Amino acid sequence: MTTSTPEKQDGLKALNDAIDAIQDKITSLGGVFNVQMAPKVVTATDEAELARQMERAELENAEVAGDDDEEEVEGMDGFSGGEGAEEDKKSGNESQEEE
């Protein structure tokens, strides 16, 4: 959850009240509720750092040349070697011997 308020303490209180209400409802219905991270005040500097981290992570996870398996499959169309070719040769030799 996020909120923007002119007063930091008012925003924190609003978030904590909302979390308490959600927790009460979920637990009253037999569910489990866990807060992963308590509400906190985030400054403009914190937001800028988070944006930089997100951008860095996006660049690291970006697909680079060579990541796409389809290129390998498409490039194999003319390939005639491998185990299948050896089997064909053996089969061909056996059929010649039978004749």
C-alpha atoms as a PDB file:
ATOM      1  CA  MET A   1       0.000   0.000   0.000  1.00  0.00           C
ATOM      2  CA  THR A   2       1.148   3.522  -0.640  1.00  0.00           C
ATOM      3  CA  THR A   3      -0.192   6.920   0.264  1.00  0.00           C
ATOM      4  CA  SER A   4       0.811  10.540  -0.122  1.00  0.00           C
ATOM      5  CA  THR A   5       0.062  12.947   2.682  1.00  0.00           C
ATOM      6  CA  PRO A   6       1.330  16.382   3.652  1.00  0.00           C
ATOM      7  CA  GLU A   7       1.916  15.132   7.214  1.00  0.00           C
ATOM      8  CA  LYS A   8       4.147  12.073   7.592  1.00  0.00           C
ATOM      9  CA  GLN A   9       2.646  10.954  10.891  1.00  0.00           C
ATOM     10  CA  ASP A  10      -0.912  11.203   9.550  1.00  0.00           C
ATOM     11  CA  GLY A  11       0.031   8.990   6.614  1.00  0.00           C
ATOM     12  CA  LEU A  12       1.682   6.390   8.851  1.00  0.00           C
ATOM     13  CA  LYS A  13      -1.330   6.344  11.176  1.00  0.00           C
ATOM     14  CA  ALA A  14      -3.733   5.942   8.238  1.00  0.00           C
ATOM     15  CA  LEU A  15      -1.742   3.019   6.844  1.00  0.00           C
ATOM     16  CA  ASN A  16      -1.441   1.322  10.237  1.00  0.00           C
ATOM     17  CA  ASP A  17      -5.186   1.738  10.849  1.00  0.00           C
ATOM     18  CA  ALA A  18      -5.934   0.244   7.417  1.00  0.00           C
ATOM     19  CA  ILE A  19      -3.590  -2.685   8.050  1.00  0.00           C
ATOM     20  CA  ASP A  20      -5.228  -3.334  11.434  1.00  0.00           C
ATOM     21  CA  ALA A  21      -8.711  -3.323   9.863  1.00  0.00           C
ATOM     22  CA  ILE A  22      -7.610  -5.713   7.100  1.00  0.00           C
ATOM     23  CA  GLN A  23      -5.902  -8.015   9.599  1.00  0.00           C
ATOM     24  CA  ASP A  24      -8.973  -8.082  11.872  1.00  0.00           C
ATOM     25  CA  LYS A  25     -11.261  -9.035   8.968  1.00  0.00           C
ATOM     26  CA  ILE A  26      -8.975 -11.726   7.568  1.00  0.00           C
ATOM     27  CA  THR A  27      -8.262 -13.345  10.936  1.00  0.00           C
ATOM     28  CA  SER A  28     -11.968 -13.219  11.918  1.00  0.00           C
ATOM     29  CA  LEU A  29     -12.691 -15.342   8.835  1.00  0.00           C
ATOM     30  CA  GLY A  30      -9.993 -17.856   9.813  1.00  0.00           C
ATOM     31  CA  GLY A  31      -7.308 -16.570   7.476  1.00  0.00           C
ATOM     32  CA  VAL A  32      -3.684 -15.772   8.122  1.00  0.00           C
ATOM     33  CA  PHE A  33      -2.347 -12.252   7.714  1.00  0.00           C
ATOM     34  CA  ASN A  34       1.320 -11.272   7.813  1.00  0.00           C
ATOM     35  CA  VAL A  35       2.800  -7.832   7.266  1.00  0.00           C
ATOM     36  CA  GLN A  36       5.950  -8.256   5.173  1.00  0.00           C
ATOM     37  CA  MET A  37       7.148  -4.702   5.757  1.00  0.00           C
ATOM     38  CA  ALA A  38       5.719  -2.181   8.185  1.00  0.00           C
ATOM     39  CA  PRO A  39       4.730   1.228   6.799  1.00  0.00           C
ATOM     40  CA  LYS A  40       7.541   3.757   6.672  1.00  0.00           C
ATOM     41  CA  VAL A  41       8.164   7.248   5.402  1.00  0.00           C
ATOM     42  CA  VAL A  42       9.949   7.262   2.062  1.00  0.00           C
ATOM     43  CA  THR A  43      11.869  10.349   1.031  1.00  0.00           C
ATOM     44  CA  ALA A  44      12.494  11.590  -2.493  1.00  0.00           C
ATOM     45  CA  THR A  45      16.058  10.278  -2.157  1.00  0.00           C
ATOM     46  CA  ASP A  46      14.736   6.815  -1.263  1.00  0.00           C
ATOM     47  CA  GLU A  47      12.405   6.872  -4.259  1.00  0.00           C
ATOM     48  CA  ALA A  48      15.238   7.888  -6.598  1.00  0.00           C
ATOM     49  CA  GLU A  49      17.446   5.083  -5.273  1.00  0.00           C
ATOM     50  CA  LEU A  50      14.643   2.562  -5.738  1.00  0.00           C
ATOM     51  CA  ALA A  51      14.124   3.776  -9.312  1.00  0.00           C
ATOM     52  CA  ARG A  52      17.854   3.320 -10.015  1.00  0.00           C
ATOM     53  CA  GLN A  53      17.797  -0.190  -8.555  1.00  0.00           C
ATOM     54  CA  MET A  54      14.743  -1.116 -10.617  1.00  0.00           C
ATOM     55  CA  GLU A  55      16.360   0.219 -13.792  1.00  0.00           C
ATOM     56  CA  ARG A  56      19.587  -1.657 -13.053  1.00  0.00           C
ATOM     57  CA  ALA A  57      17.646  -4.888 -12.452  1.00  0.00           C
ATOM     58  CA  GLU A  58      15.710  -4.391 -15.675  1.00  0.00           C
ATOM     59  CA  LEU A  59      18.929  -3.946 -17.654  1.00  0.00           C
ATOM     60  CA  GLU A  60      20.452  -7.050 -16.065  1.00  0.00           C
ATOM     61  CA  ASN A  61      17.372  -9.084 -16.912  1.00  0.00           C
ATOM     62  CA  ALA A  62      17.022  -7.707 -20.431  1.00  0.00           C
ATOM     63  CA  GLU A  63      17.206 -10.287 -23.167  1.00  0.00           C
ATOM     64  CA  VAL A  64      20.492 -10.158 -25.012  1.00  0.00           C
ATOM     65  CA  ALA A  65      21.512 -11.630 -28.353  1.00  0.00           C
ATOM     66  CA  GLY A  66      21.903 -15.370 -28.022  1.00  0.00           C
ATOM     67  CA  ASP A  67      19.199 -15.753 -25.361  1.00  0.00           C
ATOM     68  CA  ASP A  68      16.559 -16.752 -27.913  1.00  0.00           C
ATOM     69  CA  ASP A  69      16.382 -20.525 -28.508  1.00  0.00           C
ATOM     70  CA  GLU A  70      14.294 -20.094 -31.669  1.00  0.00           C
ATOM     71  CA  GLU A  71      17.337 -18.909 -33.609  1.00  0.00           C
ATOM     72  CA  GLU A  72      19.108 -22.177 -32.848  1.00  0.00           C
ATOM     73  CA  VAL A  73      16.126 -24.237 -33.970  1.00  0.00           C
ATOM     74  CA  GLU A  74      15.706 -22.235 -37.178  1.00  0.00           C
ATOM     75  CA  GLY A  75      19.401 -22.564 -37.927  1.00  0.00           C
ATOM     76  CA  MET A  76      19.200 -26.355 -37.682  1.00  0.00           C
ATOM     77  CA  ASP A  77      16.849 -26.824 -40.677  1.00  0.00           C
ATOM     78  CA  GLY A  78      19.577 -28.011 -43.042  1.00  0.00           C
ATOM     79  CA  PHE A  79      21.393 -30.156 -40.487  1.00  0.00           C
ATOM     80  CA  SER A  80      21.566 -33.785 -41.599  1.00  0.00           C
ATOM     81  CA  GLY A  81      24.070 -35.212 -39.117  1.00  0.00           C
ATOM     82  CA  GLY A  82      23.596 -36.640 -35.681  1.00  0.00           C
ATOM     83  CA  GLU A  83      22.300 -39.915 -34.301  1.00  0.00           C
ATOM     84  CA  GLY A  84      19.416 -40.134 -36.754  1.00  0.00           C
ATOM     85  CA  ALA A  85      21.789 -39.986 -39.719  1.00  0.00           C
ATOM     86  CA  GLU A  86      23.931 -42.780 -38.307  1.00  0.00           C
ATOM     87  CA  GLU A  87      20.833 -44.929 -37.848  1.00  0.00           C
ATOM     88  CA  ASP A  88      19.836 -44.251 -41.465  1.00  0.00           C
ATOM     89  CA  LYS A  89      23.274 -45.328 -42.676  1.00  0.00           C
ATOM     90  CA  LYS A  90      23.099 -48.523 -40.629  1.00  0.00           C
ATOM     91  CA  SER A  91      19.599 -49.233 -41.894  1.00  0.00           C
ATOM     92  CA  GLY A  92      20.720 -48.654 -45.450  1.00  0.00           C
ATOM     93  CA  ASN A  93      23.628 -51.047 -45.067  1.00  0.00           C
ATOM     94  CA  GLU A  94      21.429 -53.729 -43.537  1.00  0.00           C
ATOM     95  CA  SER A  95      18.890 -53.490 -46.342  1.00  0.00           C
ATOM     96  CA  GLN A  96      21.694 -53.828 -48.908  1.00  0.00           C
ATOM     97  CA  GLU A  97      22.995 -56.937 -47.179  1.00  0.00           C
ATOM     98  CA  GLU A  98      19.537 -58.508 -47.188  1.00  0.00           C
ATOM     99  CA  GLU A  99      19.174 -58.091 -50.961  1.00  0.00           C
END
